[in-house]
Amino acid sequence: MSSKLSFTGMVALCLDEDHTFLTNRGASTMFKMITAFAKDESGATAIEYGLIAALVAVGLIAALTALGKSLSQIFTHVATTLNTASS
């Protein structure tokens, strides 16, 4: 088992092959948490779904803006027809 000693500022960290700290137990836990956070990709899926939803929303806005006038006329006709039918 080989280990190396590195100095960062005033702190000396001794690492073994598994990149775990040999000298500071609290730092070992922190390092494991940071490593787990860096490897975690579950947030990437949420971001991808958010980007897809945003893309769909932009597409809907563009389509409804392009069809706005004719869509307004269709809804007006439907509303008029329903109002006369209920009278």
PDB file of N, CA and C in Angstrom:
ATOM      1  N   MET A   1       0.851  -1.172   0.000  1.00  0.00           N
ATOM      2  CA  MET A   1       0.000   0.000   0.000  1.00  0.00           C
ATOM      3  C   MET A   1       0.894   1.231   0.000  1.00  0.00           C
ATOM      4  N   SER A   2       0.846   1.966  -1.072  1.00  0.00           N
ATOM      5  CA  SER A   2       1.649   3.178  -1.137  1.00  0.00           C
ATOM      6  C   SER A   2       0.770   4.367  -0.822  1.00  0.00           C
ATOM      7  N   SER A   3       1.365   5.372  -0.266  1.00  0.00           N
ATOM      8  CA  SER A   3       0.612   6.590   0.021  1.00  0.00           C
ATOM      9  C   SER A   3       1.487   7.781  -0.312  1.00  0.00           C
ATOM     10  N   LYS A   4       0.835   8.909  -0.516  1.00  0.00           N
ATOM     11  CA  LYS A   4       1.607  10.117  -0.796  1.00  0.00           C
ATOM     12  C   LYS A   4       1.109  11.236   0.095  1.00  0.00           C
ATOM     13  N   LEU A   5       1.994  12.145   0.347  1.00  0.00           N
ATOM     14  CA  LEU A   5       1.693  13.263   1.228  1.00  0.00           C
ATOM     15  C   LEU A   5       1.676  14.522   0.383  1.00  0.00           C
ATOM     16  N   SER A   6       0.589  15.266   0.463  1.00  0.00           N
ATOM     17  CA  SER A   6       0.520  16.517  -0.286  1.00  0.00           C
ATOM     18  C   SER A   6       0.207  17.654   0.675  1.00  0.00           C
ATOM     19  N   PHE A   7       0.740  18.808   0.390  1.00  0.00           N
ATOM     20  CA  PHE A   7       0.534  19.977   1.228  1.00  0.00           C
ATOM     21  C   PHE A   7      -0.309  20.996   0.473  1.00  0.00           C
ATOM     22  N   THR A   8      -1.392  21.400   1.079  1.00  0.00           N
ATOM     23  CA  THR A   8      -2.220  22.456   0.502  1.00  0.00           C
ATOM     24  C   THR A   8      -2.312  23.561   1.549  1.00  0.00           C
ATOM     25  N   GLY A   9      -1.582  24.607   1.370  1.00  0.00           N
ATOM     26  CA  GLY A   9      -1.561  25.684   2.355  1.00  0.00           C
ATOM     27  C   GLY A   9      -0.965  25.186   3.649  1.00  0.00           C
ATOM     28  N   MET A  10      -1.747  25.226   4.731  1.00  0.00           N
ATOM     29  CA  MET A  10      -1.278  24.811   6.037  1.00  0.00           C
ATOM     30  C   MET A  10      -1.715  23.388   6.376  1.00  0.00           C
ATOM     31  N   VAL A  11      -2.427  22.704   5.460  1.00  0.00           N
ATOM     32  CA  VAL A  11      -2.973  21.392   5.771  1.00  0.00           C
ATOM     33  C   VAL A  11      -2.212  20.327   5.005  1.00  0.00           C
ATOM     34  N   ALA A  12      -1.788  19.273   5.668  1.00  0.00           N
ATOM     35  CA  ALA A  12      -1.133  18.139   5.010  1.00  0.00           C
ATOM     36  C   ALA A  12      -2.139  17.004   4.908  1.00  0.00           C
ATOM     37  N   LEU A  13      -2.314  16.489   3.712  1.00  0.00           N
ATOM     38  CA  LEU A  13      -3.261  15.407   3.480  1.00  0.00           C
ATOM     39  C   LEU A  13      -2.495  14.182   3.011  1.00  0.00           C
ATOM     40  N   CYS A  14      -2.732  13.075   3.631  1.00  0.00           N
ATOM     41  CA  CYS A  14      -2.069  11.836   3.249  1.00  0.00           C
ATOM     42  C   CYS A  14      -3.111  10.954   2.578  1.00  0.00           C
ATOM     43  N   LEU A  15      -2.885  10.582   1.311  1.00  0.00           N
ATOM     44  CA  LEU A  15      -3.856   9.815   0.545  1.00  0.00           C
ATOM     45  C   LEU A  15      -3.314   8.431   0.235  1.00  0.00           C
ATOM     46  N   ASP A  16      -4.194   7.436   0.255  1.00  0.00           N
ATOM     47  CA  ASP A  16      -3.780   6.112  -0.208  1.00  0.00           C
ATOM     48  C   ASP A  16      -4.308   5.909  -1.632  1.00  0.00           C
ATOM     49  N   GLU A  17      -4.214   4.671  -2.161  1.00  0.00           N
ATOM     50  CA  GLU A  17      -4.591   4.416  -3.550  1.00  0.00           C
ATOM     51  C   GLU A  17      -6.069   4.686  -3.810  1.00  0.00           C
ATOM     52  N   ASP A  18      -6.912   4.503  -2.819  1.00  0.00           N
ATOM     53  CA  ASP A  18      -8.352   4.689  -2.973  1.00  0.00           C
ATOM     54  C   ASP A  18      -8.765   6.154  -2.842  1.00  0.00           C
ATOM     55  N   HIS A  19      -7.810   7.029  -2.734  1.00  0.00           N
ATOM     56  CA  HIS A  19      -8.047   8.462  -2.565  1.00  0.00           C
ATOM     57  C   HIS A  19      -8.841   8.765  -1.299  1.00  0.00           C
ATOM     58  N   THR A  20      -8.592   8.009  -0.246  1.00  0.00           N
ATOM     59  CA  THR A  20      -9.216   8.304   1.038  1.00  0.00           C
ATOM     60  C   THR A  20      -8.169   8.913   1.953  1.00  0.00           C
ATOM     61  N   PHE A  21      -8.595   9.784   2.801  1.00  0.00           N
ATOM     62  CA  PHE A  21      -7.680  10.459   3.700  1.00  0.00           C
ATOM     63  C   PHE A  21      -7.277   9.534   4.840  1.00  0.00           C
ATOM     64  N   LEU A  22      -5.977   9.477   5.113  1.00  0.00           N
ATOM     65  CA  LEU A  22      -5.472   8.627   6.183  1.00  0.00           C
ATOM     66  C   LEU A  22      -5.331   9.371   7.496  1.00  0.00           C
ATOM     67  N   THR A  23      -5.217  10.687   7.429  1.00  0.00           N
ATOM     68  CA  THR A  23      -4.893  11.423   8.646  1.00  0.00           C
ATOM     69  C   THR A  23      -6.076  12.152   9.265  1.00  0.00           C
ATOM     70  N   ASN A  24      -7.081  12.465   8.515  1.00  0.00           N
ATOM     71  CA  ASN A  24      -8.170  13.281   9.043  1.00  0.00           C
ATOM     72  C   ASN A  24      -9.500  12.610   8.724  1.00  0.00           C
ATOM     73  N   ARG A  25     -10.146  12.040   9.727  1.00  0.00           N
ATOM     74  CA  ARG A  25     -11.380  11.282   9.518  1.00  0.00           C
ATOM     75  C   ARG A  25     -12.526  12.171   9.039  1.00  0.00           C
ATOM     76  N   GLY A  26     -12.651  13.370   9.543  1.00  0.00           N
ATOM     77  CA  GLY A  26     -13.704  14.285   9.106  1.00  0.00           C
ATOM     78  C   GLY A  26     -13.519  14.689   7.648  1.00  0.00           C
ATOM     79  N   ALA A  27     -12.287  14.891   7.253  1.00  0.00           N
ATOM     80  CA  ALA A  27     -12.007  15.244   5.869  1.00  0.00           C
ATOM     81  C   ALA A  27     -12.334  14.076   4.951  1.00  0.00           C
ATOM     82  N   SER A  28     -12.156  12.843   5.433  1.00  0.00           N
ATOM     83  CA  SER A  28     -12.480  11.660   4.641  1.00  0.00           C
ATOM     84  C   SER A  28     -13.970  11.627   4.339  1.00  0.00           C
ATOM     85  N   THR A  29     -14.786  11.897   5.324  1.00  0.00           N
ATOM     86  CA  THR A  29     -16.233  11.921   5.120  1.00  0.00           C
ATOM     87  C   THR A  29     -16.612  13.017   4.145  1.00  0.00           C
ATOM     88  N   MET A  30     -16.026  14.173   4.279  1.00  0.00           N
ATOM     89  CA  MET A  30     -16.314  15.283   3.379  1.00  0.00           C
ATOM     90  C   MET A  30     -15.896  14.943   1.950  1.00  0.00           C
ATOM     91  N   PHE A  31     -14.732  14.332   1.812  1.00  0.00           N
ATOM     92  CA  PHE A  31     -14.244  13.950   0.479  1.00  0.00           C
ATOM     93  C   PHE A  31     -15.185  12.936  -0.164  1.00  0.00           C
ATOM     94  N   LYS A  32     -15.668  11.973   0.619  1.00  0.00           N
ATOM     95  CA  LYS A  32     -16.601  10.981   0.093  1.00  0.00           C
ATOM     96  C   LYS A  32     -17.916  11.641  -0.342  1.00  0.00           C
ATOM     97  N   MET A  33     -18.384  12.606   0.436  1.00  0.00           N
ATOM     98  CA  MET A  33     -19.614  13.309   0.078  1.00  0.00           C
ATOM     99  C   MET A  33     -19.434  14.101  -1.217  1.00  0.00           C
ATOM    100  N   ILE A  34     -18.306  14.767  -1.353  1.00  0.00           N
ATOM    101  CA  ILE A  34     -18.034  15.551  -2.568  1.00  0.00           C
ATOM    102  C   ILE A  34     -17.904  14.630  -3.770  1.00  0.00           C
ATOM    103  N   THR A  35     -17.235  13.501  -3.584  1.00  0.00           N
ATOM    104  CA  THR A  35     -17.084  12.539  -4.675  1.00  0.00           C
ATOM    105  C   THR A  35     -18.439  11.978  -5.090  1.00  0.00           C
ATOM    106  N   ALA A  36     -19.274  11.634  -4.123  1.00  0.00           N
ATOM    107  CA  ALA A  36     -20.608  11.114  -4.434  1.00  0.00           C
ATOM    108  C   ALA A  36     -21.445  12.172  -5.150  1.00  0.00           C
ATOM    109  N   PHE A  37     -21.344  13.418  -4.714  1.00  0.00           N
ATOM    110  CA  PHE A  37     -22.082  14.509  -5.360  1.00  0.00           C
ATOM    111  C   PHE A  37     -21.624  14.701  -6.800  1.00  0.00           C
ATOM    112  N   ALA A  38     -20.325  14.605  -7.047  1.00  0.00           N
ATOM    113  CA  ALA A  38     -19.794  14.786  -8.398  1.00  0.00           C
ATOM    114  C   ALA A  38     -20.227  13.657  -9.332  1.00  0.00           C
ATOM    115  N   LYS A  39     -20.373  12.445  -8.801  1.00  0.00           N
ATOM    116  CA  LYS A  39     -20.757  11.302  -9.619  1.00  0.00           C
ATOM    117  C   LYS A  39     -22.269  11.196  -9.813  1.00  0.00           C
ATOM    118  N   ASP A  40     -23.058  11.864  -8.982  1.00  0.00           N
ATOM    119  CA  ASP A  40     -24.513  11.771  -9.035  1.00  0.00           C
ATOM    120  C   ASP A  40     -25.039  12.468 -10.287  1.00  0.00           C
ATOM    121  N   GLU A  41     -25.798  11.754 -11.091  1.00  0.00           N
ATOM    122  CA  GLU A  41     -26.339  12.309 -12.335  1.00  0.00           C
ATOM    123  C   GLU A  41     -27.863  12.419 -12.298  1.00  0.00           C
ATOM    124  N   SER A  42     -28.482  12.251 -11.150  1.00  0.00           N
ATOM    125  CA  SER A  42     -29.943  12.285 -11.082  1.00  0.00           C
ATOM    126  C   SER A  42     -30.483  13.680 -11.389  1.00  0.00           C
ATOM    127  N   GLY A  43     -29.766  14.713 -11.063  1.00  0.00           N
ATOM    128  CA  GLY A  43     -30.207  16.063 -11.379  1.00  0.00           C
ATOM    129  C   GLY A  43     -30.174  16.352 -12.862  1.00  0.00           C
ATOM    130  N   ALA A  44     -29.298  15.665 -13.589  1.00  0.00           N
ATOM    131  CA  ALA A  44     -29.201  15.875 -15.028  1.00  0.00           C
ATOM    132  C   ALA A  44     -30.498  15.489 -15.715  1.00  0.00           C
ATOM    133  N   THR A  45     -31.156  14.446 -15.252  1.00  0.00           N
ATOM    134  CA  THR A  45     -32.422  14.021 -15.840  1.00  0.00           C
ATOM    135  C   THR A  45     -33.485  15.085 -15.638  1.00  0.00           C
ATOM    136  N   ALA A  46     -33.556  15.659 -14.465  1.00  0.00           N
ATOM    137  CA  ALA A  46     -34.538  16.710 -14.199  1.00  0.00           C
ATOM    138  C   ALA A  46     -34.289  17.921 -15.096  1.00  0.00           C
ATOM    139  N   ILE A  47     -33.043  18.269 -15.289  1.00  0.00           N
ATOM    140  CA  ILE A  47     -32.711  19.394 -16.158  1.00  0.00           C
ATOM    141  C   ILE A  47     -33.112  19.088 -17.595  1.00  0.00           C
ATOM    142  N   GLU A  48     -32.876  17.861 -18.041  1.00  0.00           N
ATOM    143  CA  GLU A  48     -33.257  17.486 -19.403  1.00  0.00           C
ATOM    144  C   GLU A  48     -34.766  17.586 -19.586  1.00  0.00           C
ATOM    145  N   TYR A  49     -35.538  17.098 -18.616  1.00  0.00           N
ATOM    146  CA  TYR A  49     -36.997  17.207 -18.714  1.00  0.00           C
ATOM    147  C   TYR A  49     -37.436  18.666 -18.707  1.00  0.00           C
ATOM    148  N   GLY A  50     -36.780  19.487 -17.932  1.00  0.00           N
ATOM    149  CA  GLY A  50     -37.096  20.911 -17.922  1.00  0.00           C
ATOM    150  C   GLY A  50     -36.822  21.566 -19.269  1.00  0.00           C
ATOM    151  N   LEU A  51     -35.706  21.190 -19.894  1.00  0.00           N
ATOM    152  CA  LEU A  51     -35.389  21.741 -21.219  1.00  0.00           C
ATOM    153  C   LEU A  51     -36.388  21.271 -22.272  1.00  0.00           C
ATOM    154  N   ILE A  52     -36.816  20.015 -22.189  1.00  0.00           N
ATOM    155  CA  ILE A  52     -37.824  19.514 -23.130  1.00  0.00           C
ATOM    156  C   ILE A  52     -39.145  20.267 -22.943  1.00  0.00           C
ATOM    157  N   ALA A  53     -39.561  20.468 -21.706  1.00  0.00           N
ATOM    158  CA  ALA A  53     -40.801  21.203 -21.433  1.00  0.00           C
ATOM    159  C   ALA A  53     -40.711  22.636 -21.952  1.00  0.00           C
ATOM    160  N   ALA A  54     -39.565  23.270 -21.780  1.00  0.00           N
ATOM    161  CA  ALA A  54     -39.379  24.635 -22.277  1.00  0.00           C
ATOM    162  C   ALA A  54     -39.445  24.663 -23.799  1.00  0.00           C
ATOM    163  N   LEU A  55     -38.847  23.672 -24.449  1.00  0.00           N
ATOM    164  CA  LEU A  55     -38.879  23.593 -25.905  1.00  0.00           C
ATOM    165  C   LEU A  55     -40.304  23.390 -26.415  1.00  0.00           C
ATOM    166  N   VAL A  56     -41.069  22.535 -25.755  1.00  0.00           N
ATOM    167  CA  VAL A  56     -42.474  22.328 -26.134  1.00  0.00           C
ATOM    168  C   VAL A  56     -43.259  23.618 -25.943  1.00  0.00           C
ATOM    169  N   ALA A  57     -43.021  24.323 -24.849  1.00  0.00           N
ATOM    170  CA  ALA A  57     -43.729  25.586 -24.598  1.00  0.00           C
ATOM    171  C   ALA A  57     -43.409  26.618 -25.677  1.00  0.00           C
ATOM    172  N   VAL A  58     -42.143  26.722 -26.063  1.00  0.00           N
ATOM    173  CA  VAL A  58     -41.756  27.667 -27.113  1.00  0.00           C
ATOM    174  C   VAL A  58     -42.438  27.288 -28.431  1.00  0.00           C
ATOM    175  N   GLY A  59     -42.494  25.992 -28.737  1.00  0.00           N
ATOM    176  CA  GLY A  59     -43.167  25.534 -29.951  1.00  0.00           C
ATOM    177  C   GLY A  59     -44.651  25.857 -29.942  1.00  0.00           C
ATOM    178  N   LEU A  60     -45.303  25.646 -28.795  1.00  0.00           N
ATOM    179  CA  LEU A  60     -46.727  25.972 -28.686  1.00  0.00           C
ATOM    180  C   LEU A  60     -46.974  27.469 -28.834  1.00  0.00           C
ATOM    181  N   ILE A  61     -46.132  28.265 -28.220  1.00  0.00           N
ATOM    182  CA  ILE A  61     -46.296  29.725 -28.328  1.00  0.00           C
ATOM    183  C   ILE A  61     -46.115  30.169 -29.770  1.00  0.00           C
ATOM    184  N   ALA A  62     -45.114  29.619 -30.445  1.00  0.00           N
ATOM    185  CA  ALA A  62     -44.885  29.990 -31.845  1.00  0.00           C
ATOM    186  C   ALA A  62     -46.058  29.563 -32.713  1.00  0.00           C
ATOM    187  N   ALA A  63     -46.582  28.353 -32.511  1.00  0.00           N
ATOM    188  CA  ALA A  63     -47.707  27.862 -33.318  1.00  0.00           C
ATOM    189  C   ALA A  63     -48.972  28.664 -33.051  1.00  0.00           C
ATOM    190  N   LEU A  64     -49.249  28.946 -31.788  1.00  0.00           N
ATOM    191  CA  LEU A  64     -50.461  29.703 -31.463  1.00  0.00           C
ATOM    192  C   LEU A  64     -50.362  31.149 -31.927  1.00  0.00           C
ATOM    193  N   THR A  65     -49.167  31.713 -31.920  1.00  0.00           N
ATOM    194  CA  THR A  65     -48.990  33.072 -32.427  1.00  0.00           C
ATOM    195  C   THR A  65     -49.217  33.106 -33.932  1.00  0.00           C
ATOM    196  N   ALA A  66     -48.714  32.103 -34.638  1.00  0.00           N
ATOM    197  CA  ALA A  66     -48.891  32.049 -36.092  1.00  0.00           C
ATOM    198  C   ALA A  66     -50.351  31.829 -36.464  1.00  0.00           C
ATOM    199  N   LEU A  67     -51.070  31.052 -35.665  1.00  0.00           N
ATOM    200  CA  LEU A  67     -52.476  30.759 -35.956  1.00  0.00           C
ATOM    201  C   LEU A  67     -53.434  31.645 -35.168  1.00  0.00           C
ATOM    202  N   GLY A  68     -52.930  32.664 -34.535  1.00  0.00           N
ATOM    203  CA  GLY A  68     -53.715  33.491 -33.618  1.00  0.00           C
ATOM    204  C   GLY A  68     -54.982  34.059 -34.209  1.00  0.00           C
ATOM    205  N   LYS A  69     -54.907  34.679 -35.379  1.00  0.00           N
ATOM    206  CA  LYS A  69     -56.071  35.334 -35.975  1.00  0.00           C
ATOM    207  C   LYS A  69     -57.135  34.307 -36.347  1.00  0.00           C
ATOM    208  N   SER A  70     -56.753  33.252 -37.038  1.00  0.00           N
ATOM    209  CA  SER A  70     -57.740  32.248 -37.449  1.00  0.00           C
ATOM    210  C   SER A  70     -58.286  31.492 -36.245  1.00  0.00           C
ATOM    211  N   LEU A  71     -57.455  31.254 -35.246  1.00  0.00           N
ATOM    212  CA  LEU A  71     -57.905  30.578 -34.033  1.00  0.00           C
ATOM    213  C   LEU A  71     -58.911  31.444 -33.288  1.00  0.00           C
ATOM    214  N   SER A  72     -58.672  32.727 -33.253  1.00  0.00           N
ATOM    215  CA  SER A  72     -59.603  33.656 -32.615  1.00  0.00           C
ATOM    216  C   SER A  72     -60.948  33.646 -33.329  1.00  0.00           C
ATOM    217  N   GLN A  73     -60.926  33.608 -34.662  1.00  0.00           N
ATOM    218  CA  GLN A  73     -62.169  33.570 -35.432  1.00  0.00           C
ATOM    219  C   GLN A  73     -62.933  32.268 -35.175  1.00  0.00           C
ATOM    220  N   ILE A  74     -62.214  31.157 -35.059  1.00  0.00           N
ATOM    221  CA  ILE A  74     -62.869  29.868 -34.798  1.00  0.00           C
ATOM    222  C   ILE A  74     -63.540  29.887 -33.428  1.00  0.00           C
ATOM    223  N   PHE A  75     -62.849  30.379 -32.401  1.00  0.00           N
ATOM    224  CA  PHE A  75     -63.433  30.426 -31.060  1.00  0.00           C
ATOM    225  C   PHE A  75     -64.613  31.397 -31.011  1.00  0.00           C
ATOM    226  N   THR A  76     -64.529  32.490 -31.716  1.00  0.00           N
ATOM    227  CA  THR A  76     -65.646  33.437 -31.772  1.00  0.00           C
ATOM    228  C   THR A  76     -66.859  32.779 -32.422  1.00  0.00           C
ATOM    229  N   HIS A  77     -66.648  32.057 -33.521  1.00  0.00           N
ATOM    230  CA  HIS A  77     -67.741  31.363 -34.202  1.00  0.00           C
ATOM    231  C   HIS A  77     -68.374  30.312 -33.286  1.00  0.00           C
ATOM    232  N   VAL A  78     -67.548  29.529 -32.576  1.00  0.00           N
ATOM    233  CA  VAL A  78     -68.060  28.511 -31.661  1.00  0.00           C
ATOM    234  C   VAL A  78     -68.863  29.166 -30.543  1.00  0.00           C
ATOM    235  N   ALA A  79     -68.346  30.252 -29.985  1.00  0.00           N
ATOM    236  CA  ALA A  79     -69.043  30.950 -28.897  1.00  0.00           C
ATOM    237  C   ALA A  79     -70.373  31.510 -29.382  1.00  0.00           C
ATOM    238  N   THR A  80     -70.409  32.079 -30.575  1.00  0.00           N
ATOM    239  CA  THR A  80     -71.642  32.636 -31.127  1.00  0.00           C
ATOM    240  C   THR A  80     -72.661  31.524 -31.372  1.00  0.00           C
ATOM    241  N   THR A  81     -72.196  30.414 -31.914  1.00  0.00           N
ATOM    242  CA  THR A  81     -73.081  29.292 -32.180  1.00  0.00           C
ATOM    243  C   THR A  81     -73.663  28.731 -30.878  1.00  0.00           C
ATOM    244  N   LEU A  82     -72.835  28.609 -29.847  1.00  0.00           N
ATOM    245  CA  LEU A  82     -73.327  28.107 -28.556  1.00  0.00           C
ATOM    246  C   LEU A  82     -74.306  29.088 -27.926  1.00  0.00           C
ATOM    247  N   ASN A  83     -74.060  30.368 -28.046  1.00  0.00           N
ATOM    248  CA  ASN A  83     -74.949  31.370 -27.461  1.00  0.00           C
ATOM    249  C   ASN A  83     -76.305  31.358 -28.155  1.00  0.00           C
ATOM    250  N   THR A  84     -76.321  31.242 -29.490  1.00  0.00           N
ATOM    251  CA  THR A  84     -77.604  31.234 -30.212  1.00  0.00           C
ATOM    252  C   THR A  84     -78.338  29.918 -29.972  1.00  0.00           C
ATOM    253  N   ALA A  85     -77.619  28.825 -29.797  1.00  0.00           N
ATOM    254  CA  ALA A  85     -78.263  27.530 -29.559  1.00  0.00           C
ATOM    255  C   ALA A  85     -78.890  27.476 -28.173  1.00  0.00           C
ATOM    256  N   SER A  86     -78.284  28.149 -27.213  1.00  0.00           N
ATOM    257  CA  SER A  86     -78.827  28.109 -25.849  1.00  0.00           C
ATOM    258  C   SER A  86     -79.970  29.101 -25.650  1.00  0.00           C
ATOM    259  N   SER A  87     -80.180  30.029 -26.593  1.00  0.00           N
ATOM    260  CA  SER A  87     -81.247  31.024 -26.437  1.00  0.00           C
ATOM    261  C   SER A  87     -82.567  30.513 -26.888  1.00  0.00           C
TER     262      SER A  87
END
